[in-house]
Amino acid sequence: MFFAQDAPLQNEYDALYRSLFKRPDIYMQIVEALTKHRAGLLREQILKATGADDNEVFQRALRELEQCGFIRKYNMFDYKAKNALYQLIDNFTLFHFQHIATNIPQDEHYWSDMRFSGRYNVWAGLAFERLCLLHSQQIKQSLGISGIQCNVYSWTYMPKGGADDSSFQIDMLIDRIDRIVNICEMKYADEEYVMNADEDRRLRQRISRFIEHTRTRKAVHPVLVTTYGLSRNGYASVFQHIITLDDLFR
């Protein structure tokens, strides 16, 4: 359907945007700019990346892409609302740029050949993260906090000297009015996720950096969101809650 020569959905990306929007070029320029930045871009950064004019046409395109569910607008924890980021979350658009657009030889066996590669595992992990972001309400329900006032944020740590190996992003933080912050670790696995010493140390360092740099006085509770649950070992106790794929579709 996607990868064979003359496959019926090979040109679906162009057809989709041209059928939805009267003047699709600015919409497509925005999403193409966002494909290169997984964490998202500020409004001013999108304008610079696309070369678009800051006018009603651009504002309408951003607004309608958000209303249609192609992108999401979100705030970073401990940042002002005017610094909101725009992030591409439409799974088909991301799939197109990651796989269909790069399949230049039109290899009809592309997907089956890639199924057990590292590139597939990266794609599956990122796709699972997006799935979790789209089911934040179900995550709140699983935590038993659907009736508690809370906001969902992301947070990025970057040392003063600029991005390096110690930089990281937490894609989902749930900031609760009951003085708790849930840090959600989203992990795709083909079976029960296995926590090890390196992952345990990495998570504890992230929590420590988050507390230190945000100066939060709230309790920080790590949550694991994964496909089939957590394998019980000496490192499993770091998580206070385990949420599975079944919980996201309950």
C-alpha atoms as a PDB file:
ATOM      1  CA  MET A   1       0.000   0.000   0.000  1.00  0.00           C
ATOM      2  CA  PHE A   2       2.900   2.382   0.674  1.00  0.00           C
ATOM      3  CA  PHE A   3       6.180   1.005  -0.645  1.00  0.00           C
ATOM      4  CA  ALA A   4       5.580  -0.931  -3.850  1.00  0.00           C
ATOM      5  CA  GLN A   5       6.020   0.811  -7.174  1.00  0.00           C
ATOM      6  CA  ASP A   6       2.799   2.716  -7.995  1.00  0.00           C
ATOM      7  CA  ALA A   7       1.478   1.874  -4.497  1.00  0.00           C
ATOM      8  CA  PRO A   8      -2.034   3.319  -3.963  1.00  0.00           C
ATOM      9  CA  LEU A   9      -1.044   5.363  -0.874  1.00  0.00           C
ATOM     10  CA  GLN A  10       2.377   6.456  -2.088  1.00  0.00           C
ATOM     11  CA  ASN A  11       1.182  10.024  -2.771  1.00  0.00           C
ATOM     12  CA  GLU A  12      -1.330  10.181   0.079  1.00  0.00           C
ATOM     13  CA  TYR A  13       0.555  12.965   1.888  1.00  0.00           C
ATOM     14  CA  ASP A  14       0.037  15.501  -0.918  1.00  0.00           C
ATOM     15  CA  ALA A  15      -3.511  14.323  -1.539  1.00  0.00           C
ATOM     16  CA  LEU A  16      -4.412  14.613   2.153  1.00  0.00           C
ATOM     17  CA  TYR A  17      -3.248  18.193   2.661  1.00  0.00           C
ATOM     18  CA  ARG A  18      -4.585  19.398  -0.685  1.00  0.00           C
ATOM     19  CA  SER A  19      -8.003  17.918   0.053  1.00  0.00           C
ATOM     20  CA  LEU A  20      -8.197  19.474   3.542  1.00  0.00           C
ATOM     21  CA  PHE A  21      -6.873  22.975   2.944  1.00  0.00           C
ATOM     22  CA  LYS A  22      -7.637  25.476   0.171  1.00  0.00           C
ATOM     23  CA  ARG A  23      -4.095  26.849   0.116  1.00  0.00           C
ATOM     24  CA  PRO A  24      -2.058  23.906   1.421  1.00  0.00           C
ATOM     25  CA  ASP A  25       1.473  25.214   0.793  1.00  0.00           C
ATOM     26  CA  ILE A  26       1.873  27.112   4.092  1.00  0.00           C
ATOM     27  CA  TYR A  27       0.361  24.185   6.035  1.00  0.00           C
ATOM     28  CA  MET A  28       2.821  21.778   4.428  1.00  0.00           C
ATOM     29  CA  GLN A  29       5.748  24.150   5.021  1.00  0.00           C
ATOM     30  CA  ILE A  30       4.887  24.314   8.727  1.00  0.00           C
ATOM     31  CA  VAL A  31       4.662  20.545   9.214  1.00  0.00           C
ATOM     32  CA  GLU A  32       7.832  19.971   7.174  1.00  0.00           C
ATOM     33  CA  ALA A  33       9.690  22.414   9.442  1.00  0.00           C
ATOM     34  CA  LEU A  34       8.370  20.615  12.515  1.00  0.00           C
ATOM     35  CA  THR A  35       9.465  17.174  11.254  1.00  0.00           C
ATOM     36  CA  LYS A  36      13.077  18.262  11.812  1.00  0.00           C
ATOM     37  CA  HIS A  37      12.516  19.176  15.468  1.00  0.00           C
ATOM     38  CA  ARG A  38      10.991  16.391  17.556  1.00  0.00           C
ATOM     39  CA  ALA A  39      10.501  18.548  20.653  1.00  0.00           C
ATOM     40  CA  GLY A  40       8.789  21.287  18.652  1.00  0.00           C
ATOM     41  CA  LEU A  41       9.451  24.910  17.722  1.00  0.00           C
ATOM     42  CA  LEU A  42       8.422  28.304  19.010  1.00  0.00           C
ATOM     43  CA  ARG A  43       6.164  30.379  16.775  1.00  0.00           C
ATOM     44  CA  GLU A  44       9.049  32.691  15.856  1.00  0.00           C
ATOM     45  CA  GLN A  45      11.227  29.685  14.981  1.00  0.00           C
ATOM     46  CA  ILE A  46       8.545  28.319  12.642  1.00  0.00           C
ATOM     47  CA  LEU A  47       8.364  31.702  10.894  1.00  0.00           C
ATOM     48  CA  LYS A  48      12.139  31.677  10.421  1.00  0.00           C
ATOM     49  CA  ALA A  49      12.247  28.051   9.235  1.00  0.00           C
ATOM     50  CA  THR A  50       9.458  28.521   6.684  1.00  0.00           C
ATOM     51  CA  GLY A  51      10.248  32.065   5.590  1.00  0.00           C
ATOM     52  CA  ALA A  52       6.557  32.867   5.985  1.00  0.00           C
ATOM     53  CA  ASP A  53       5.146  36.299   6.739  1.00  0.00           C
ATOM     54  CA  ASP A  54       3.670  36.851  10.184  1.00  0.00           C
ATOM     55  CA  ASN A  55       0.143  37.540   8.983  1.00  0.00           C
ATOM     56  CA  GLU A  56      -3.396  36.203   9.247  1.00  0.00           C
ATOM     57  CA  VAL A  57      -2.690  33.433   6.717  1.00  0.00           C
ATOM     58  CA  PHE A  58       0.128  32.052   8.878  1.00  0.00           C
ATOM     59  CA  GLN A  59      -1.892  32.432  12.089  1.00  0.00           C
ATOM     60  CA  ARG A  60      -4.860  30.621  10.542  1.00  0.00           C
ATOM     61  CA  ALA A  61      -2.638  27.792   9.324  1.00  0.00           C
ATOM     62  CA  LEU A  62      -1.205  27.244  12.815  1.00  0.00           C
ATOM     63  CA  ARG A  63      -4.656  27.416  14.374  1.00  0.00           C
ATOM     64  CA  GLU A  64      -6.249  24.990  11.899  1.00  0.00           C
ATOM     65  CA  LEU A  65      -3.380  22.501  12.049  1.00  0.00           C
ATOM     66  CA  GLU A  66      -3.873  22.424  15.821  1.00  0.00           C
ATOM     67  CA  GLN A  67      -7.670  22.141  15.551  1.00  0.00           C
ATOM     68  CA  CYS A  68      -7.320  19.249  13.081  1.00  0.00           C
ATOM     69  CA  GLY A  69      -4.917  17.376  15.382  1.00  0.00           C
ATOM     70  CA  PHE A  70      -1.819  17.594  13.174  1.00  0.00           C
ATOM     71  CA  ILE A  71       0.136  19.616  15.722  1.00  0.00           C
ATOM     72  CA  ARG A  72      -0.178  20.346  19.427  1.00  0.00           C
ATOM     73  CA  LYS A  73       0.576  23.553  21.279  1.00  0.00           C
ATOM     74  CA  TYR A  74       2.075  22.989  24.709  1.00  0.00           C
ATOM     75  CA  ASN A  75       3.992  24.814  27.400  1.00  0.00           C
ATOM     76  CA  MET A  76       7.285  23.873  28.976  1.00  0.00           C
ATOM     77  CA  PHE A  77       7.236  23.413  32.756  1.00  0.00           C
ATOM     78  CA  ASP A  78       8.286  26.578  34.589  1.00  0.00           C
ATOM     79  CA  TYR A  79       8.132  28.700  31.413  1.00  0.00           C
ATOM     80  CA  LYS A  80       5.794  31.537  30.503  1.00  0.00           C
ATOM     81  CA  ALA A  81       2.753  30.701  28.363  1.00  0.00           C
ATOM     82  CA  LYS A  82       3.958  33.009  25.575  1.00  0.00           C
ATOM     83  CA  ASN A  83       6.871  30.600  25.056  1.00  0.00           C
ATOM     84  CA  ALA A  84       4.538  27.787  23.987  1.00  0.00           C
ATOM     85  CA  LEU A  85       5.968  25.224  21.579  1.00  0.00           C
ATOM     86  CA  TYR A  86       4.286  23.707  18.537  1.00  0.00           C
ATOM     87  CA  GLN A  87       4.968  20.001  18.001  1.00  0.00           C
ATOM     88  CA  LEU A  88       4.012  17.755  15.091  1.00  0.00           C
ATOM     89  CA  ILE A  89       2.013  14.789  16.420  1.00  0.00           C
ATOM     90  CA  ASP A  90       0.157  13.481  13.359  1.00  0.00           C
ATOM     91  CA  ASN A  91       1.327   9.895  13.007  1.00  0.00           C
ATOM     92  CA  PHE A  92       0.745   9.611   9.269  1.00  0.00           C
ATOM     93  CA  THR A  93       2.663  12.808   8.456  1.00  0.00           C
ATOM     94  CA  LEU A  94       5.607  11.692  10.586  1.00  0.00           C
ATOM     95  CA  PHE A  95       5.474   8.210   9.038  1.00  0.00           C
ATOM     96  CA  HIS A  96       5.540   9.780   5.568  1.00  0.00           C
ATOM     97  CA  PHE A  97       8.676  11.830   6.220  1.00  0.00           C
ATOM     98  CA  GLN A  98      10.486   9.115   8.167  1.00  0.00           C
ATOM     99  CA  HIS A  99       9.826   6.260   5.760  1.00  0.00           C
ATOM    100  CA  ILE A 100       7.819   6.884   2.589  1.00  0.00           C
ATOM    101  CA  ALA A 101       9.703  10.012   1.466  1.00  0.00           C
ATOM    102  CA  THR A 102      13.068   8.332   2.104  1.00  0.00           C
ATOM    103  CA  ASN A 103      12.212   5.137   0.203  1.00  0.00           C
ATOM    104  CA  ILE A 104      13.664   6.548  -3.018  1.00  0.00           C
ATOM    105  CA  PRO A 105      14.263   3.209  -4.824  1.00  0.00           C
ATOM    106  CA  GLN A 106      10.610   2.278  -4.098  1.00  0.00           C
ATOM    107  CA  ASP A 107      11.602  -1.008  -2.503  1.00  0.00           C
ATOM    108  CA  GLU A 108       8.361  -2.915  -1.938  1.00  0.00           C
ATOM    109  CA  HIS A 109      10.092  -5.027   0.755  1.00  0.00           C
ATOM    110  CA  TYR A 110      11.281  -1.922   2.629  1.00  0.00           C
ATOM    111  CA  TRP A 111       9.066  -2.392   5.700  1.00  0.00           C
ATOM    112  CA  SER A 112       9.603  -6.126   6.175  1.00  0.00           C
ATOM    113  CA  ASP A 113      13.375  -5.697   5.668  1.00  0.00           C
ATOM    114  CA  MET A 114      13.482  -2.914   8.270  1.00  0.00           C
ATOM    115  CA  ARG A 115      11.290  -4.681  10.843  1.00  0.00           C
ATOM    116  CA  PHE A 116      14.191  -5.928  12.977  1.00  0.00           C
ATOM    117  CA  SER A 117      16.562  -3.002  12.463  1.00  0.00           C
ATOM    118  CA  GLY A 118      17.622  -0.332  14.928  1.00  0.00           C
ATOM    119  CA  ARG A 119      15.814   2.241  12.802  1.00  0.00           C
ATOM    120  CA  TYR A 120      12.526   0.413  13.331  1.00  0.00           C
ATOM    121  CA  ASN A 121      13.078   0.330  17.094  1.00  0.00           C
ATOM    122  CA  VAL A 122      13.683   4.102  17.128  1.00  0.00           C
ATOM    123  CA  TRP A 123      10.496   4.675  15.113  1.00  0.00           C
ATOM    124  CA  ALA A 124       8.470   2.374  17.399  1.00  0.00           C
ATOM    125  CA  GLY A 125       9.759   4.143  20.512  1.00  0.00           C
ATOM    126  CA  LEU A 126       8.888   7.605  19.188  1.00  0.00           C
ATOM    127  CA  ALA A 127       5.496   6.423  17.916  1.00  0.00           C
ATOM    128  CA  PHE A 128       4.713   5.012  21.363  1.00  0.00           C
ATOM    129  CA  GLU A 129       5.647   8.342  22.984  1.00  0.00           C
ATOM    130  CA  ARG A 130       3.192  10.130  20.687  1.00  0.00           C
ATOM    131  CA  LEU A 131       0.526   7.578  21.539  1.00  0.00           C
ATOM    132  CA  CYS A 132       1.011   8.327  25.237  1.00  0.00           C
ATOM    133  CA  LEU A 133       0.834  12.098  24.660  1.00  0.00           C
ATOM    134  CA  LEU A 134      -2.467  11.608  22.840  1.00  0.00           C
ATOM    135  CA  HIS A 135      -3.826   9.589  25.796  1.00  0.00           C
ATOM    136  CA  SER A 136      -2.874  11.879  28.679  1.00  0.00           C
ATOM    137  CA  GLN A 137      -6.454  11.772  29.990  1.00  0.00           C
ATOM    138  CA  GLN A 138      -6.321   7.962  30.271  1.00  0.00           C
ATOM    139  CA  ILE A 139      -2.961   8.240  32.041  1.00  0.00           C
ATOM    140  CA  LYS A 140      -4.531  10.611  34.586  1.00  0.00           C
ATOM    141  CA  GLN A 141      -7.406   8.162  35.075  1.00  0.00           C
ATOM    142  CA  SER A 142      -4.974   5.297  35.676  1.00  0.00           C
ATOM    143  CA  LEU A 143      -3.192   7.420  38.263  1.00  0.00           C
ATOM    144  CA  GLY A 144      -6.536   8.135  39.932  1.00  0.00           C
ATOM    145  CA  ILE A 145      -6.181  11.899  39.454  1.00  0.00           C
ATOM    146  CA  SER A 146      -8.751  12.623  36.731  1.00  0.00           C
ATOM    147  CA  GLY A 147     -10.679  14.707  39.267  1.00  0.00           C
ATOM    148  CA  ILE A 148      -7.618  16.644  40.451  1.00  0.00           C
ATOM    149  CA  GLN A 149      -6.607  19.906  38.806  1.00  0.00           C
ATOM    150  CA  CYS A 150      -3.372  19.337  36.903  1.00  0.00           C
ATOM    151  CA  ASN A 151      -1.462  20.427  33.811  1.00  0.00           C
ATOM    152  CA  VAL A 152       0.615  18.376  31.367  1.00  0.00           C
ATOM    153  CA  TYR A 153       3.990  19.843  30.423  1.00  0.00           C
ATOM    154  CA  SER A 154       7.332  18.927  28.902  1.00  0.00           C
ATOM    155  CA  TRP A 155      10.698  20.005  30.300  1.00  0.00           C
ATOM    156  CA  THR A 156      14.150  20.263  28.756  1.00  0.00           C
ATOM    157  CA  TYR A 157      17.450  20.290  30.601  1.00  0.00           C
ATOM    158  CA  MET A 158      20.364  21.953  28.848  1.00  0.00           C
ATOM    159  CA  PRO A 159      23.608  22.972  30.584  1.00  0.00           C
ATOM    160  CA  LYS A 160      24.664  26.622  30.403  1.00  0.00           C
ATOM    161  CA  GLY A 161      27.356  25.869  27.835  1.00  0.00           C
ATOM    162  CA  GLY A 162      24.794  24.518  25.372  1.00  0.00           C
ATOM    163  CA  ALA A 163      23.521  21.098  24.362  1.00  0.00           C
ATOM    164  CA  ASP A 164      25.812  18.138  25.099  1.00  0.00           C
ATOM    165  CA  ASP A 165      25.548  14.490  26.158  1.00  0.00           C
ATOM    166  CA  SER A 166      24.029  15.495  29.493  1.00  0.00           C
ATOM    167  CA  SER A 167      21.073  17.290  27.828  1.00  0.00           C
ATOM    168  CA  PHE A 168      17.689  15.586  27.941  1.00  0.00           C
ATOM    169  CA  GLN A 169      13.967  16.187  27.604  1.00  0.00           C
ATOM    170  CA  ILE A 170      11.130  14.859  29.748  1.00  0.00           C
ATOM    171  CA  ASP A 171       8.215  14.581  27.324  1.00  0.00           C
ATOM    172  CA  MET A 172       5.423  14.313  29.890  1.00  0.00           C
ATOM    173  CA  LEU A 173       5.222  15.944  33.301  1.00  0.00           C
ATOM    174  CA  ILE A 174       1.923  16.030  35.163  1.00  0.00           C
ATOM    175  CA  ASP A 175       1.953  18.995  37.531  1.00  0.00           C
ATOM    176  CA  ARG A 176      -0.754  18.455  40.166  1.00  0.00           C
ATOM    177  CA  ILE A 177      -2.455  20.871  42.564  1.00  0.00           C
ATOM    178  CA  ASP A 178      -1.944  18.350  45.395  1.00  0.00           C
ATOM    179  CA  ARG A 179       1.786  19.220  45.325  1.00  0.00           C
ATOM    180  CA  ILE A 180       2.938  16.196  43.350  1.00  0.00           C
ATOM    181  CA  VAL A 181       4.694  16.108  39.963  1.00  0.00           C
ATOM    182  CA  ASN A 182       4.521  12.858  38.013  1.00  0.00           C
ATOM    183  CA  ILE A 183       7.467  12.318  35.674  1.00  0.00           C
ATOM    184  CA  CYS A 184       6.269   9.884  33.006  1.00  0.00           C
ATOM    185  CA  GLU A 185       8.843   7.600  31.416  1.00  0.00           C
ATOM    186  CA  MET A 186       7.373   6.220  28.166  1.00  0.00           C
ATOM    187  CA  LYS A 187       9.030   2.982  27.068  1.00  0.00           C
ATOM    188  CA  TYR A 188       8.106   0.771  24.115  1.00  0.00           C
ATOM    189  CA  ALA A 189       9.020  -2.914  24.452  1.00  0.00           C
ATOM    190  CA  ASP A 190       7.940  -6.151  22.732  1.00  0.00           C
ATOM    191  CA  GLU A 191       7.465  -7.741  26.149  1.00  0.00           C
ATOM    192  CA  GLU A 192       7.690  -6.664  29.794  1.00  0.00           C
ATOM    193  CA  TYR A 193      10.086  -3.737  30.134  1.00  0.00           C
ATOM    194  CA  VAL A 194      13.263  -4.592  32.052  1.00  0.00           C
ATOM    195  CA  MET A 195      14.802  -1.857  34.177  1.00  0.00           C
ATOM    196  CA  ASN A 196      18.583  -2.092  34.612  1.00  0.00           C
ATOM    197  CA  ALA A 197      21.281  -0.278  36.584  1.00  0.00           C
ATOM    198  CA  ASP A 198      22.069   2.233  33.816  1.00  0.00           C
ATOM    199  CA  GLU A 199      18.403   3.178  33.306  1.00  0.00           C
ATOM    200  CA  ASP A 200      17.876   3.428  37.057  1.00  0.00           C
ATOM    201  CA  ARG A 201      20.850   5.788  37.411  1.00  0.00           C
ATOM    202  CA  ARG A 202      19.742   7.855  34.400  1.00  0.00           C
ATOM    203  CA  LEU A 203      16.210   8.291  35.779  1.00  0.00           C
ATOM    204  CA  ARG A 204      17.451   9.282  39.231  1.00  0.00           C
ATOM    205  CA  GLN A 205      19.826  11.837  37.683  1.00  0.00           C
ATOM    206  CA  ARG A 206      16.975  13.318  35.638  1.00  0.00           C
ATOM    207  CA  ILE A 207      14.787  13.671  38.704  1.00  0.00           C
ATOM    208  CA  SER A 208      17.660  15.268  40.627  1.00  0.00           C
ATOM    209  CA  ARG A 209      18.366  17.758  37.809  1.00  0.00           C
ATOM    210  CA  PHE A 210      14.672  18.586  37.496  1.00  0.00           C
ATOM    211  CA  ILE A 211      14.323  19.339  41.213  1.00  0.00           C
ATOM    212  CA  GLU A 212      17.559  21.319  41.284  1.00  0.00           C
ATOM    213  CA  HIS A 213      16.873  23.508  38.232  1.00  0.00           C
ATOM    214  CA  THR A 214      13.147  24.113  38.687  1.00  0.00           C
ATOM    215  CA  ARG A 215      13.505  24.494  42.480  1.00  0.00           C
ATOM    216  CA  THR A 216      10.196  22.736  42.887  1.00  0.00           C
ATOM    217  CA  ARG A 217       9.098  21.907  46.405  1.00  0.00           C
ATOM    218  CA  LYS A 218       6.592  19.354  45.201  1.00  0.00           C
ATOM    219  CA  ALA A 219       7.090  15.608  45.598  1.00  0.00           C
ATOM    220  CA  VAL A 220       8.339  14.020  42.371  1.00  0.00           C
ATOM    221  CA  HIS A 221       6.873  10.595  41.576  1.00  0.00           C
ATOM    222  CA  PRO A 222       8.210   8.642  38.563  1.00  0.00           C
ATOM    223  CA  VAL A 223       5.646   6.763  36.476  1.00  0.00           C
ATOM    224  CA  LEU A 224       6.357   4.106  33.837  1.00  0.00           C
ATOM    225  CA  VAL A 225       4.072   3.976  30.804  1.00  0.00           C
ATOM    226  CA  THR A 226       4.922   0.907  28.753  1.00  0.00           C
ATOM    227  CA  THR A 227       3.369  -1.679  26.478  1.00  0.00           C
ATOM    228  CA  TYR A 228       3.131  -4.871  28.548  1.00  0.00           C
ATOM    229  CA  GLY A 229       4.171  -3.966  32.078  1.00  0.00           C
ATOM    230  CA  LEU A 230       7.386  -4.046  34.084  1.00  0.00           C
ATOM    231  CA  SER A 231       9.550  -7.067  34.835  1.00  0.00           C
ATOM    232  CA  ARG A 232      10.094  -7.275  38.578  1.00  0.00           C
ATOM    233  CA  ASN A 233      13.743  -7.029  39.599  1.00  0.00           C
ATOM    234  CA  GLY A 234      15.901  -5.031  41.983  1.00  0.00           C
ATOM    235  CA  TYR A 235      15.434  -1.802  39.996  1.00  0.00           C
ATOM    236  CA  ALA A 236      11.675  -1.954  39.420  1.00  0.00           C
ATOM    237  CA  SER A 237      10.833  -0.207  42.693  1.00  0.00           C
ATOM    238  CA  VAL A 238      11.981   3.185  41.358  1.00  0.00           C
ATOM    239  CA  PHE A 239       8.533   3.590  39.748  1.00  0.00           C
ATOM    240  CA  GLN A 240       5.547   4.454  41.915  1.00  0.00           C
ATOM    241  CA  HIS A 241       2.989   3.599  39.211  1.00  0.00           C
ATOM    242  CA  ILE A 242       2.959   1.295  36.169  1.00  0.00           C
ATOM    243  CA  ILE A 243       0.614   2.065  33.258  1.00  0.00           C
ATOM    244  CA  THR A 244       0.250  -0.288  30.283  1.00  0.00           C
ATOM    245  CA  LEU A 245      -1.117  -0.190  26.766  1.00  0.00           C
ATOM    246  CA  ASP A 246      -4.384  -1.699  28.013  1.00  0.00           C
ATOM    247  CA  ASP A 247      -4.825   1.283  30.358  1.00  0.00           C
ATOM    248  CA  LEU A 248      -4.468   3.710  27.434  1.00  0.00           C
ATOM    249  CA  PHE A 249      -7.374   2.033  25.622  1.00  0.00           C
ATOM    250  CA  ARG A 250      -9.527   1.094  28.606  1.00  0.00           C
END
